[in-house]
Amino acid sequence: WLFTDKLLRACPDWDETVRERLHRNVYAQARHISEYISFDAHASGNHNLVGEAATLAWIALQYPEWQESARWLRRALTVLWPALDMQVSPDGVYFEVSPSCKLQVMELLALVFTAMRRQKKPLPSKSYMVLGKMAAVLRPLQQPDGDLPNINDNDDGHVLPLQISTRERVGGGMTVMAVLYERPDLKASAAKTYPLYAHLLLGEAGAEEF
């Protein structure tokens, strides 16, 4: 829904009435996540928790004018940073040992990190390094056809609401990572042409950096 709002903002049919309906729904979901986020010291320490925290943070960052956004962002990051400490090992291997889950977590984190970068909000250096290490570990896991090995859990969950292949998802993610971390070596797995995912997260300025 947030991607749709970004893509259709200049469309005349995407008027205030339609946007207000969408915003009411997004607001209700953010309020629910904030109140019931599934953080517990003994449960839910997986990519679903990262998904909830990252989604709440991204909503807050996309709509900073909303009254609750500042509080939502604080709430989300208070959960997200410790979750990364718990779930990602120092060498960048995700604890579920699933390339599919790792890619999904990277996509979620990229939403938050690129939005914070664009708004010049500080990122903890440790958490920033975690995502870079995750990208470096994922790159050599790619098979010759561009797919990822089917190790452990694979629910095919992904952030970009398009029917695209794993190869295209990895290519889009690595394009963003190459720009975000100024890592030319990641371009070996990046998309050959600047993809929609990178455009939505980094814009035209990101294309020039890439």
Protein backbone atom coordinates (compact mmCIF):
# COMPACT_ATOMS: atom_id res chain seq x y z
CA TRP A 1 0.00 0.00 0.00
CA LEU A 2 2.82 2.40 0.81
CA PHE A 3 4.54 1.61 -2.48
CA THR A 4 1.21 2.27 -4.25
CA ASP A 5 0.87 5.62 -2.51
CA LYS A 6 4.38 6.57 -3.67
CA LEU A 7 3.85 5.41 -7.25
CA LEU A 8 0.41 6.98 -7.81
CA ARG A 9 0.93 10.29 -6.01
CA ALA A 10 1.04 12.23 -9.30
CA CYS A 11 -1.98 10.42 -10.81
CA PRO A 12 -5.12 12.62 -10.99
CA ASP A 13 -7.35 9.69 -9.96
CA TRP A 14 -5.28 9.22 -6.81
CA ASP A 15 -7.04 12.13 -5.16
CA GLU A 16 -7.35 13.16 -1.51
CA THR A 17 -10.48 11.06 -0.98
CA VAL A 18 -8.78 7.87 -2.14
CA ARG A 19 -5.57 8.62 -0.25
CA GLU A 20 -7.51 9.36 2.93
CA ARG A 21 -9.13 5.91 2.79
CA LEU A 22 -5.73 4.29 2.39
CA HIS A 23 -4.18 6.41 5.12
CA ARG A 24 -6.92 5.49 7.59
CA ASN A 25 -6.15 1.81 7.01
CA VAL A 26 -2.37 2.25 7.25
CA TYR A 27 -2.80 4.33 10.40
CA ALA A 28 -4.96 1.62 12.00
CA GLN A 29 -2.40 -1.07 11.17
CA ALA A 30 0.48 0.99 12.55
CA ARG A 31 -1.44 1.66 15.75
CA HIS A 32 -2.15 -2.07 16.12
CA ILE A 33 1.49 -3.07 15.52
CA SER A 34 2.70 -0.47 18.01
CA GLU A 35 0.36 -1.74 20.70
CA TYR A 36 0.74 -5.46 20.08
CA ILE A 37 4.23 -5.86 18.62
CA SER A 38 5.21 -9.46 19.35
CA PHE A 39 8.41 -8.79 21.26
CA ASP A 40 9.04 -11.17 24.11
CA ALA A 41 12.31 -12.32 25.59
CA HIS A 42 11.25 -15.95 25.17
CA ALA A 43 9.20 -15.91 21.96
CA SER A 44 8.81 -14.42 18.48
CA GLY A 45 12.52 -13.75 18.10
CA ASN A 46 12.44 -14.34 14.35
CA HIS A 47 12.00 -12.52 11.06
CA ASN A 48 8.33 -11.86 11.85
CA LEU A 49 9.43 -9.60 14.71
CA VAL A 50 11.84 -7.80 12.38
CA GLY A 51 8.99 -7.45 9.90
CA GLU A 52 6.68 -5.85 12.47
CA ALA A 53 9.32 -3.43 13.76
CA ALA A 54 10.58 -2.50 10.28
CA THR A 55 7.03 -1.97 8.98
CA LEU A 56 6.12 0.28 11.89
CA ALA A 57 9.34 2.27 11.42
CA TRP A 58 8.79 2.62 7.68
CA ILE A 59 5.22 3.86 8.12
CA ALA A 60 6.44 6.45 10.63
CA LEU A 61 9.20 7.54 8.26
CA GLN A 62 6.87 7.76 5.25
CA TYR A 63 4.32 9.89 7.11
CA PRO A 64 6.30 12.07 9.56
CA GLU A 65 3.43 14.58 9.63
CA TRP A 66 1.16 12.13 11.49
CA GLN A 67 0.79 12.87 15.19
CA GLU A 68 1.85 9.39 16.32
CA SER A 69 4.76 8.92 13.89
CA ALA A 70 7.56 10.11 16.19
CA ARG A 71 6.39 7.78 18.97
CA TRP A 72 5.94 4.88 16.53
CA LEU A 73 9.47 5.34 15.22
CA ARG A 74 10.94 5.29 18.72
CA ARG A 75 8.89 2.19 19.57
CA ALA A 76 9.92 0.38 16.39
CA LEU A 77 13.64 1.11 16.67
CA THR A 78 13.65 0.15 20.36
CA VAL A 79 12.61 -3.32 19.19
CA LEU A 80 14.49 -3.48 15.89
CA TRP A 81 18.06 -2.77 17.05
CA PRO A 82 18.09 -5.42 19.84
CA ALA A 83 16.39 -7.91 17.50
CA LEU A 84 19.26 -7.55 15.00
CA ASP A 85 21.78 -8.08 17.80
CA MET A 86 20.01 -11.30 18.76
CA GLN A 87 19.29 -12.65 15.29
CA VAL A 88 22.41 -11.89 13.22
CA SER A 89 25.77 -13.37 14.10
CA PRO A 90 28.94 -11.20 13.97
CA ASP A 91 29.86 -12.63 10.53
CA GLY A 92 26.49 -11.67 9.02
CA VAL A 93 24.85 -15.13 9.02
CA TYR A 94 21.16 -14.96 9.90
CA PHE A 95 20.27 -17.27 12.80
CA GLU A 96 17.46 -19.07 10.92
CA VAL A 97 20.13 -20.24 8.45
CA SER A 98 17.71 -19.67 5.58
CA PRO A 99 18.80 -17.67 2.50
CA SER A 100 15.11 -16.93 1.80
CA CYS A 101 14.51 -15.48 5.28
CA LYS A 102 17.79 -13.57 5.12
CA LEU A 103 16.76 -11.94 1.82
CA GLN A 104 13.37 -10.99 3.25
CA VAL A 105 14.98 -9.43 6.34
CA MET A 106 17.42 -7.53 4.13
CA GLU A 107 14.52 -6.14 2.08
CA LEU A 108 12.74 -5.00 5.25
CA LEU A 109 15.86 -3.38 6.69
CA ALA A 110 16.59 -1.64 3.38
CA LEU A 111 13.22 0.14 3.61
CA VAL A 112 14.13 1.58 7.00
CA PHE A 113 17.81 2.30 6.34
CA THR A 114 17.26 4.12 3.04
CA ALA A 115 14.41 6.21 4.49
CA MET A 116 16.54 7.18 7.50
CA ARG A 117 19.46 7.97 5.19
CA ARG A 118 17.25 10.21 3.05
CA GLN A 119 15.91 12.03 6.12
CA LYS A 120 19.41 12.27 7.64
CA LYS A 121 18.40 10.40 10.80
CA PRO A 122 21.23 8.72 12.73
CA LEU A 123 21.71 4.96 12.42
CA PRO A 124 23.58 2.97 15.06
CA SER A 125 26.89 2.00 13.47
CA LYS A 126 26.57 -1.59 14.72
CA SER A 127 23.15 -2.07 13.10
CA TYR A 128 24.35 -0.39 9.92
CA MET A 129 27.29 -2.82 9.75
CA VAL A 130 24.96 -5.79 10.31
CA LEU A 131 23.04 -5.20 7.08
CA GLY A 132 26.26 -4.76 5.09
CA LYS A 133 27.59 -8.06 6.42
CA MET A 134 24.31 -9.82 5.60
CA ALA A 135 24.59 -8.62 2.00
CA ALA A 136 28.21 -9.78 1.76
CA VAL A 137 27.22 -13.26 2.99
CA LEU A 138 24.22 -13.56 0.67
CA ARG A 139 26.12 -12.71 -2.52
CA PRO A 140 28.24 -15.90 -2.77
CA LEU A 141 25.19 -18.05 -1.96
CA GLN A 142 23.66 -17.28 -5.35
CA GLN A 143 23.57 -20.24 -7.70
CA PRO A 144 24.54 -19.95 -11.40
CA ASP A 145 20.88 -19.40 -12.39
CA GLY A 146 20.64 -16.51 -9.88
CA ASP A 147 18.44 -18.42 -7.47
CA LEU A 148 19.24 -19.10 -3.81
CA PRO A 149 19.70 -22.60 -2.38
CA ASN A 150 16.61 -24.05 -0.71
CA ILE A 151 18.11 -24.43 2.76
CA ASN A 152 15.84 -24.54 5.80
CA ASP A 153 12.62 -22.49 5.75
CA ASN A 154 11.38 -20.86 2.52
CA ASP A 155 7.92 -19.28 2.56
CA ASP A 156 8.69 -17.07 -0.47
CA GLY A 157 7.82 -13.99 1.57
CA HIS A 158 9.02 -10.75 0.02
CA VAL A 159 8.53 -7.03 0.41
CA LEU A 160 8.12 -5.79 -3.15
CA PRO A 161 4.49 -6.52 -4.19
CA LEU A 162 5.36 -7.82 -7.65
CA GLN A 163 5.62 -11.28 -9.16
CA ILE A 164 9.37 -11.29 -9.73
CA SER A 165 11.93 -14.06 -9.55
CA THR A 166 14.42 -14.60 -6.75
CA ARG A 167 17.15 -13.56 -9.18
CA GLU A 168 15.40 -10.21 -9.72
CA ARG A 169 14.84 -9.77 -5.98
CA VAL A 170 18.50 -10.39 -5.20
CA GLY A 171 19.50 -8.09 -8.07
CA GLY A 172 17.31 -5.28 -6.75
CA GLY A 173 18.50 -5.77 -3.19
CA MET A 174 22.16 -5.82 -4.16
CA THR A 175 21.67 -2.69 -6.26
CA VAL A 176 20.44 -0.91 -3.14
CA MET A 177 23.24 -2.38 -1.02
CA ALA A 178 25.92 -1.34 -3.54
CA VAL A 179 24.73 2.27 -3.28
CA LEU A 180 23.99 2.29 0.44
CA TYR A 181 27.40 0.90 1.38
CA GLU A 182 29.43 2.19 -1.58
CA ARG A 183 30.43 -1.41 -2.33
CA PRO A 184 31.34 -1.92 -6.02
CA ASP A 185 31.96 -5.62 -5.35
CA LEU A 186 28.24 -6.13 -4.65
CA LYS A 187 27.48 -5.03 -8.22
CA ALA A 188 28.42 -8.55 -9.35
CA SER A 189 25.01 -9.63 -8.01
CA ALA A 190 23.21 -6.34 -8.66
CA ALA A 191 20.70 -5.75 -11.44
CA LYS A 192 22.19 -4.87 -14.81
CA THR A 193 19.76 -2.00 -15.20
CA TYR A 194 18.46 0.14 -12.33
CA PRO A 195 15.37 -1.76 -11.05
CA LEU A 196 12.04 -0.50 -9.72
CA TYR A 197 12.88 -1.64 -6.17
CA ALA A 198 16.00 0.54 -6.10
CA HIS A 199 14.15 3.44 -7.72
CA LEU A 200 11.46 3.34 -5.03
CA LEU A 201 14.01 3.27 -2.22
CA LEU A 202 16.77 5.50 -3.58
CA GLY A 203 15.22 7.53 -6.41
CA GLU A 204 17.08 9.02 -9.34
CA ALA A 205 19.92 10.18 -7.10
CA GLY A 206 20.55 6.53 -6.25
CA ALA A 207 20.69 5.66 -9.93
CA GLU A 208 23.44 8.22 -10.44
CA GLU A 209 25.37 6.88 -7.44
CA PHE A 210 24.98 3.33 -8.76
